């Protein structure tokens, strides 16, 4: 499911316009993103948890240049 399909489903399920559903979905995404950028953990019981985790750098190949690069 992509964002457009999610908006359509929310609009039908909540019996609201797609414009209002789009605003609601975008607001939820923005709120989660802002919380994660602030270093907070977002826990939605019964759905899932969103959190930022630090990972160590690793090497990988750039598919456009075929060069091996450090991915951080």
N, C-alpha and C. Protein backbone atom coordinates (compact mmCIF):
# COMPACT_ATOMS: atom_id res chain seq x y z
N UNK A 1 0.85 -1.18 0.00
CA UNK A 1 0.00 0.00 0.00
C UNK A 1 0.89 1.24 0.00
N UNK A 2 0.57 2.18 -0.85
CA UNK A 2 1.32 3.43 -0.86
C UNK A 2 0.50 4.53 -0.17
N UNK A 3 1.07 5.72 -0.13
CA UNK A 3 0.42 6.82 0.59
C UNK A 3 -0.94 7.17 -0.01
N UNK A 4 -1.04 7.17 -1.33
CA UNK A 4 -2.31 7.50 -1.99
C UNK A 4 -3.39 6.49 -1.62
N UNK A 5 -3.04 5.21 -1.62
CA UNK A 5 -4.00 4.17 -1.25
C UNK A 5 -4.40 4.31 0.22
N UNK A 6 -3.44 4.65 1.07
CA UNK A 6 -3.73 4.86 2.49
C UNK A 6 -4.74 5.99 2.66
N UNK A 7 -4.52 7.08 1.95
CA UNK A 7 -5.43 8.24 2.04
C UNK A 7 -6.84 7.85 1.58
N UNK A 8 -6.95 7.10 0.49
CA UNK A 8 -8.26 6.66 0.01
C UNK A 8 -8.96 5.79 1.05
N UNK A 9 -8.21 4.86 1.66
CA UNK A 9 -8.80 3.99 2.67
C UNK A 9 -9.24 4.76 3.90
N UNK A 10 -8.43 5.72 4.34
CA UNK A 10 -8.79 6.54 5.50
C UNK A 10 -10.04 7.35 5.18
N UNK A 11 -10.11 7.93 3.99
CA UNK A 11 -11.27 8.73 3.60
C UNK A 11 -12.55 7.89 3.61
N UNK A 12 -12.48 6.69 3.07
CA UNK A 12 -13.66 5.81 3.04
C UNK A 12 -14.03 5.35 4.44
N UNK A 13 -13.04 4.95 5.19
CA UNK A 13 -13.26 4.40 6.53
C UNK A 13 -13.83 5.45 7.49
N UNK A 14 -13.34 6.68 7.40
CA UNK A 14 -13.78 7.75 8.31
C UNK A 14 -14.91 8.58 7.72
N UNK A 15 -15.33 8.26 6.50
CA UNK A 15 -16.38 8.98 5.80
C UNK A 15 -16.07 10.48 5.74
N UNK A 16 -14.85 10.78 5.27
CA UNK A 16 -14.41 12.17 5.09
C UNK A 16 -13.87 12.32 3.67
N UNK A 17 -13.64 13.55 3.26
CA UNK A 17 -13.12 13.78 1.91
C UNK A 17 -11.66 13.33 1.83
N UNK A 18 -11.21 13.07 0.61
CA UNK A 18 -9.81 12.68 0.43
C UNK A 18 -8.88 13.82 0.80
N UNK A 19 -9.34 15.05 0.62
CA UNK A 19 -8.53 16.21 0.99
C UNK A 19 -8.31 16.23 2.51
N UNK A 20 -9.38 16.01 3.28
CA UNK A 20 -9.25 15.98 4.73
C UNK A 20 -8.42 14.78 5.19
N UNK A 21 -8.62 13.63 4.54
CA UNK A 21 -7.85 12.44 4.89
C UNK A 21 -6.37 12.65 4.59
N UNK A 22 -6.08 13.32 3.48
CA UNK A 22 -4.70 13.60 3.11
C UNK A 22 -4.04 14.49 4.16
N UNK A 23 -4.76 15.50 4.62
CA UNK A 23 -4.22 16.39 5.65
C UNK A 23 -3.98 15.63 6.95
N UNK A 24 -4.89 14.74 7.30
CA UNK A 24 -4.75 13.96 8.53
C UNK A 24 -3.55 13.01 8.45
N UNK A 25 -3.44 12.30 7.34
CA UNK A 25 -2.33 11.36 7.16
C UNK A 25 -1.00 12.11 7.17
N UNK A 26 -0.92 13.23 6.47
CA UNK A 26 0.31 14.01 6.43
C UNK A 26 0.66 14.53 7.82
N UNK A 27 -0.34 14.92 8.58
CA UNK A 27 -0.12 15.40 9.94
C UNK A 27 0.46 14.30 10.83
N UNK A 28 -0.06 13.10 10.69
CA UNK A 28 0.47 11.97 11.46
C UNK A 28 1.93 11.71 11.08
N UNK A 29 2.22 11.67 9.78
CA UNK A 29 3.59 11.44 9.33
C UNK A 29 4.53 12.54 9.82
N UNK A 30 4.09 13.79 9.74
CA UNK A 30 4.92 14.91 10.19
C UNK A 30 5.19 14.83 11.69
N UNK A 31 4.16 14.47 12.46
CA UNK A 31 4.31 14.37 13.91
C UNK A 31 5.30 13.27 14.28
N UNK A 32 5.20 12.13 13.62
CA UNK A 32 6.14 11.03 13.88
C UNK A 32 7.55 11.45 13.50
N UNK A 33 7.71 12.06 12.33
CA UNK A 33 9.04 12.49 11.87
C UNK A 33 9.65 13.52 12.82
N UNK A 34 8.85 14.48 13.28
CA UNK A 34 9.36 15.49 14.21
C UNK A 34 9.79 14.88 15.53
N UNK A 35 9.03 13.92 16.02
CA UNK A 35 9.39 13.25 17.27
C UNK A 35 10.70 12.49 17.10
N UNK A 36 10.87 11.80 15.99
CA UNK A 36 12.10 11.05 15.74
C UNK A 36 13.29 11.98 15.59
N UNK A 37 13.10 13.11 14.93
CA UNK A 37 14.18 14.08 14.77
C UNK A 37 14.59 14.67 16.12
N UNK A 38 13.66 14.73 17.06
CA UNK A 38 13.96 15.25 18.39
C UNK A 38 14.61 14.19 19.28
N UNK A 39 14.73 12.97 18.76
CA UNK A 39 15.34 11.90 19.52
C UNK A 39 14.36 11.09 20.34
N UNK A 40 13.07 11.37 20.17
CA UNK A 40 12.05 10.64 20.92
C UNK A 40 11.73 9.31 20.24
N UNK A 41 11.15 8.42 21.01
CA UNK A 41 10.68 7.13 20.51
C UNK A 41 9.16 7.23 20.38
N UNK A 42 8.59 6.76 19.29
CA UNK A 42 7.15 6.80 19.08
C UNK A 42 6.63 5.37 19.18
N UNK A 43 5.79 5.13 20.18
CA UNK A 43 5.27 3.78 20.41
C UNK A 43 3.75 3.82 20.26
N UNK A 44 3.25 3.09 19.27
CA UNK A 44 1.82 2.99 19.02
C UNK A 44 1.40 1.57 19.40
N UNK A 45 0.82 1.42 20.58
CA UNK A 45 0.46 0.11 21.10
C UNK A 45 -0.47 -0.60 20.10
N UNK A 46 -0.16 -1.84 19.82
CA UNK A 46 -0.96 -2.62 18.89
C UNK A 46 -0.58 -2.42 17.43
N UNK A 47 0.38 -1.52 17.19
CA UNK A 47 0.80 -1.27 15.81
C UNK A 47 2.29 -1.44 15.64
N UNK A 48 3.08 -0.64 16.37
CA UNK A 48 4.53 -0.74 16.24
C UNK A 48 5.24 0.40 16.94
N UNK A 49 6.56 0.34 16.89
CA UNK A 49 7.40 1.34 17.53
C UNK A 49 8.36 1.90 16.51
N UNK A 50 8.52 3.21 16.52
CA UNK A 50 9.46 3.90 15.65
C UNK A 50 10.54 4.51 16.53
N UNK A 51 11.79 4.27 16.18
CA UNK A 51 12.89 4.90 16.90
C UNK A 51 14.11 4.98 15.99
N UNK A 52 14.93 5.98 16.26
CA UNK A 52 16.16 6.15 15.49
C UNK A 52 17.25 5.36 16.20
N UNK A 53 17.97 4.58 15.44
CA UNK A 53 19.08 3.81 16.00
C UNK A 53 20.36 4.16 15.26
N UNK A 54 21.41 4.35 16.02
CA UNK A 54 22.73 4.60 15.43
C UNK A 54 23.30 3.28 14.96
N UNK A 55 23.86 3.29 13.77
CA UNK A 55 24.49 2.09 13.22
C UNK A 55 25.91 2.43 12.83
N UNK A 56 26.77 1.46 12.95
CA UNK A 56 28.16 1.70 12.57
C UNK A 56 28.28 1.75 11.04
N UNK A 57 29.30 2.46 10.58
CA UNK A 57 29.52 2.60 9.14
C UNK A 57 29.89 1.24 8.54
N UNK A 58 29.56 1.07 7.28
CA UNK A 58 29.91 -0.16 6.57
C UNK A 58 30.27 0.21 5.14
N UNK A 59 30.86 -0.72 4.43
CA UNK A 59 31.20 -0.44 3.04
C UNK A 59 30.14 -1.03 2.12
N UNK A 60 29.94 -0.37 1.01
CA UNK A 60 28.98 -0.83 0.02
C UNK A 60 29.37 -0.31 -1.35
N UNK A 61 28.75 -0.84 -2.36
CA UNK A 61 29.08 -0.45 -3.73
C UNK A 61 28.01 0.51 -4.25
N UNK A 62 28.46 1.64 -4.78
CA UNK A 62 27.56 2.60 -5.41
C UNK A 62 27.11 2.00 -6.74
N UNK A 63 25.81 1.76 -6.93
CA UNK A 63 25.36 1.11 -8.17
C UNK A 63 25.55 1.97 -9.42
N UNK A 64 25.66 3.29 -9.26
CA UNK A 64 25.83 4.16 -10.42
C UNK A 64 27.28 4.22 -10.88
N UNK A 65 28.22 4.19 -9.91
CA UNK A 65 29.64 4.33 -10.28
C UNK A 65 30.42 3.04 -10.10
N UNK A 66 29.85 2.06 -9.44
CA UNK A 66 30.49 0.78 -9.14
C UNK A 66 31.67 0.93 -8.18
N UNK A 67 31.83 2.11 -7.59
CA UNK A 67 32.91 2.33 -6.61
C UNK A 67 32.48 1.83 -5.24
N UNK A 68 33.44 1.30 -4.50
CA UNK A 68 33.18 0.89 -3.12
C UNK A 68 33.31 2.13 -2.24
N UNK A 69 32.28 2.38 -1.42
CA UNK A 69 32.24 3.57 -0.59
C UNK A 69 31.85 3.20 0.83
N UNK A 70 32.17 4.09 1.77
CA UNK A 70 31.76 3.92 3.16
C UNK A 70 30.36 4.49 3.31
N UNK A 71 29.45 3.66 3.82
CA UNK A 71 28.07 4.09 4.05
C UNK A 71 27.91 4.37 5.53
N UNK A 72 27.52 5.58 5.86
CA UNK A 72 27.37 5.90 7.28
C UNK A 72 25.92 6.09 7.65
